[in-house]
């Protein structure tokens, strides 16, 4: 089993997931006053099909919760994850949930 680690690369405005020390994917964001707006999530081709995108989504949402911020899920992957995982929907304001059909 691969050693999976997460980092917040603030300089590049993205969370990264690493598998055995290699960059496997990332989730880009913009920092707003009280929210993180997620704009793009990507798993690199060599790492697709291993569930790393979902693990990354869970990690970034857990981190937003710790920060006490809310989420604006412009990224379709993050929006889709939120639709499937109602335990995170409290991180999305009601007006934003309506806008993104969450």
C-alpha atoms as a PDB file:
ATOM      1  CA  UNK A   1       0.000   0.000   0.000  1.00  0.00           C
ATOM      2  CA  UNK A   2       1.275   3.438  -0.941  1.00  0.00           C
ATOM      3  CA  UNK A   3       2.238   6.063   1.633  1.00  0.00           C
ATOM      4  CA  UNK A   4      -0.243   8.918   1.080  1.00  0.00           C
ATOM      5  CA  UNK A   5       0.518  12.440   2.330  1.00  0.00           C
ATOM      6  CA  UNK A   6      -1.193  15.814   1.944  1.00  0.00           C
ATOM      7  CA  UNK A   7       0.287  19.297   1.811  1.00  0.00           C
ATOM      8  CA  UNK A   8      -1.146  22.772   1.445  1.00  0.00           C
ATOM      9  CA  UNK A   9       1.091  24.477  -1.097  1.00  0.00           C
ATOM     10  CA  UNK A  10      -0.004  28.031  -0.241  1.00  0.00           C
ATOM     11  CA  UNK A  11       2.416  29.549  -2.763  1.00  0.00           C
ATOM     12  CA  UNK A  12       0.608  27.756  -5.623  1.00  0.00           C
ATOM     13  CA  UNK A  13      -2.832  28.067  -3.962  1.00  0.00           C
ATOM     14  CA  UNK A  14      -3.419  24.346  -3.979  1.00  0.00           C
ATOM     15  CA  UNK A  15      -3.634  21.327  -1.770  1.00  0.00           C
ATOM     16  CA  UNK A  16      -1.512  18.440  -3.011  1.00  0.00           C
ATOM     17  CA  UNK A  17      -1.715  14.695  -2.513  1.00  0.00           C
ATOM     18  CA  UNK A  18       1.471  12.639  -2.753  1.00  0.00           C
ATOM     19  CA  UNK A  19       1.771   8.893  -3.201  1.00  0.00           C
ATOM     20  CA  UNK A  20       5.099   7.459  -2.047  1.00  0.00           C
ATOM     21  CA  UNK A  21       6.584  10.948  -2.256  1.00  0.00           C
ATOM     22  CA  UNK A  22       5.396  11.659  -5.806  1.00  0.00           C
ATOM     23  CA  UNK A  23       2.841  14.336  -6.647  1.00  0.00           C
ATOM     24  CA  UNK A  24      -0.337  12.417  -7.487  1.00  0.00           C
ATOM     25  CA  UNK A  25      -2.874  15.232  -7.693  1.00  0.00           C
ATOM     26  CA  UNK A  26      -3.946  18.647  -6.511  1.00  0.00           C
ATOM     27  CA  UNK A  27      -6.939  20.824  -5.680  1.00  0.00           C
ATOM     28  CA  UNK A  28      -6.574  24.512  -6.564  1.00  0.00           C
ATOM     29  CA  UNK A  29      -8.262  27.232  -4.545  1.00  0.00           C
ATOM     30  CA  UNK A  30      -8.663  30.974  -4.089  1.00  0.00           C
ATOM     31  CA  UNK A  31      -8.646  32.434  -0.593  1.00  0.00           C
ATOM     32  CA  UNK A  32     -11.550  34.716   0.235  1.00  0.00           C
ATOM     33  CA  UNK A  33     -12.249  36.521   3.510  1.00  0.00           C
ATOM     34  CA  UNK A  34     -14.361  33.740   5.024  1.00  0.00           C
ATOM     35  CA  UNK A  35     -14.163  30.990   2.423  1.00  0.00           C
ATOM     36  CA  UNK A  36     -12.016  28.884   0.150  1.00  0.00           C
ATOM     37  CA  UNK A  37     -13.226  28.786  -3.440  1.00  0.00           C
ATOM     38  CA  UNK A  38     -12.155  25.501  -5.011  1.00  0.00           C
ATOM     39  CA  UNK A  39     -11.624  25.945  -8.742  1.00  0.00           C
ATOM     40  CA  UNK A  40      -9.990  22.772 -10.087  1.00  0.00           C
ATOM     41  CA  UNK A  41      -9.116  19.269  -8.901  1.00  0.00           C
ATOM     42  CA  UNK A  42      -6.880  16.940 -10.861  1.00  0.00           C
ATOM     43  CA  UNK A  43      -5.403  13.492 -10.312  1.00  0.00           C
ATOM     44  CA  UNK A  44      -2.394  12.862 -12.531  1.00  0.00           C
ATOM     45  CA  UNK A  45      -2.953  10.088 -15.117  1.00  0.00           C
ATOM     46  CA  UNK A  46      -0.514   7.607 -13.525  1.00  0.00           C
ATOM     47  CA  UNK A  47      -2.531   7.748 -10.279  1.00  0.00           C
ATOM     48  CA  UNK A  48      -6.099   7.639 -11.614  1.00  0.00           C
ATOM     49  CA  UNK A  49      -8.481   4.945 -10.403  1.00  0.00           C
ATOM     50  CA  UNK A  50      -6.986   4.665  -6.911  1.00  0.00           C
ATOM     51  CA  UNK A  51      -9.527   6.828  -5.067  1.00  0.00           C
ATOM     52  CA  UNK A  52      -7.000   9.604  -4.531  1.00  0.00           C
ATOM     53  CA  UNK A  53      -9.344  12.340  -5.755  1.00  0.00           C
ATOM     54  CA  UNK A  54     -11.903  11.427  -3.097  1.00  0.00           C
ATOM     55  CA  UNK A  55      -9.237  11.243  -0.418  1.00  0.00           C
ATOM     56  CA  UNK A  56      -8.007  14.678  -1.449  1.00  0.00           C
ATOM     57  CA  UNK A  57     -11.552  16.100  -1.404  1.00  0.00           C
ATOM     58  CA  UNK A  58     -12.148  14.730   2.094  1.00  0.00           C
ATOM     59  CA  UNK A  59      -8.847  16.197   3.289  1.00  0.00           C
ATOM     60  CA  UNK A  60      -9.485  19.688   1.911  1.00  0.00           C
ATOM     61  CA  UNK A  61     -13.015  19.811   3.323  1.00  0.00           C
ATOM     62  CA  UNK A  62     -11.791  18.639   6.732  1.00  0.00           C
ATOM     63  CA  UNK A  63      -9.153  21.370   6.628  1.00  0.00           C
ATOM     64  CA  UNK A  64     -11.724  24.040   5.745  1.00  0.00           C
ATOM     65  CA  UNK A  65     -13.801  22.880   8.718  1.00  0.00           C
ATOM     66  CA  UNK A  66     -10.788  23.255  11.044  1.00  0.00           C
ATOM     67  CA  UNK A  67     -10.202  26.775   9.686  1.00  0.00           C
ATOM     68  CA  UNK A  68     -13.809  27.739  10.414  1.00  0.00           C
ATOM     69  CA  UNK A  69     -14.381  28.862   6.830  1.00  0.00           C
ATOM     70  CA  UNK A  70     -16.925  27.855   4.254  1.00  0.00           C
ATOM     71  CA  UNK A  71     -16.612  26.397   0.764  1.00  0.00           C
ATOM     72  CA  UNK A  72     -17.494  27.729  -2.661  1.00  0.00           C
ATOM     73  CA  UNK A  73     -17.338  24.628  -4.906  1.00  0.00           C
ATOM     74  CA  UNK A  74     -16.717  26.050  -8.387  1.00  0.00           C
ATOM     75  CA  UNK A  75     -14.766  22.852  -9.122  1.00  0.00           C
ATOM     76  CA  UNK A  76     -17.206  20.205 -10.364  1.00  0.00           C
ATOM     77  CA  UNK A  77     -15.311  17.413  -8.597  1.00  0.00           C
ATOM     78  CA  UNK A  78     -15.621  19.114  -5.201  1.00  0.00           C
ATOM     79  CA  UNK A  79     -19.274  19.979  -5.892  1.00  0.00           C
ATOM     80  CA  UNK A  80     -19.935  16.343  -6.806  1.00  0.00           C
ATOM     81  CA  UNK A  81     -18.190  15.118  -3.663  1.00  0.00           C
ATOM     82  CA  UNK A  82     -20.358  17.445  -1.568  1.00  0.00           C
ATOM     83  CA  UNK A  83     -23.516  16.089  -3.232  1.00  0.00           C
ATOM     84  CA  UNK A  84     -22.487  12.536  -2.288  1.00  0.00           C
ATOM     85  CA  UNK A  85     -21.345  13.392   1.252  1.00  0.00           C
ATOM     86  CA  UNK A  86     -24.043  15.341   3.107  1.00  0.00           C
ATOM     87  CA  UNK A  87     -21.892  15.422   6.253  1.00  0.00           C
ATOM     88  CA  UNK A  88     -19.920  18.252   4.589  1.00  0.00           C
ATOM     89  CA  UNK A  89     -22.846  20.296   3.285  1.00  0.00           C
ATOM     90  CA  UNK A  90     -22.803  22.525   6.375  1.00  0.00           C
ATOM     91  CA  UNK A  91     -19.559  23.975   4.969  1.00  0.00           C
ATOM     92  CA  UNK A  92     -21.520  25.466   2.069  1.00  0.00           C
ATOM     93  CA  UNK A  93     -23.813  28.419   2.700  1.00  0.00           C
ATOM     94  CA  UNK A  94     -27.421  27.807   1.707  1.00  0.00           C
ATOM     95  CA  UNK A  95     -27.401  30.350  -1.150  1.00  0.00           C
ATOM     96  CA  UNK A  96     -24.265  28.725  -2.560  1.00  0.00           C
ATOM     97  CA  UNK A  97     -25.793  25.234  -2.180  1.00  0.00           C
ATOM     98  CA  UNK A  98     -28.716  26.393  -4.310  1.00  0.00           C
ATOM     99  CA  UNK A  99     -26.419  27.932  -6.927  1.00  0.00           C
ATOM    100  CA  UNK A 100     -24.370  24.716  -7.257  1.00  0.00           C
ATOM    101  CA  UNK A 101     -27.316  22.310  -6.723  1.00  0.00           C
ATOM    102  CA  UNK A 102     -25.832  20.761  -3.607  1.00  0.00           C
END
